[in-house]
Amino acid sequence: MASREERYDAAQRLKDEGKLAEAVGAMEAVVADHPDFALAFSALAAWCTKLERHDEAIAHARRVCDLEPRDPFSYTTLSVACVRAGRIQDAEDALARSRALQGP
């Protein structure tokens, strides 16, 4: 069986080939088997946003925050997903959290 990184790379190739919906399906299979793989959830958040699957994008972005709560980029990812979904207050809250983690 392929490693999670190999499966991640295969999903990325699908995305690069313009097969975004297929890429999402492939990456969802990766996270189903590896629910702690933050990078894969981050990709899903971005890809679902592009597909205008906003609720899914936000759910994936929230999972990134759960997995990497000290990484400012986790909250930036969530902020972007929320902005695209029109959830401005949630986006601002996530961005504030990102900035707080970056320090002065």
Foldseek 3Di string as FASTA:
>chain_A
DDDLVVLLVVLVVCVVVVNLVVSLVSLVVSCVVVVLPLVSLLVNLVSCLVVVVLVSNLVSLVSSCVNCVLALVSLCSNLVSCVSVVNNVSNVVSNVSSVVSVPD
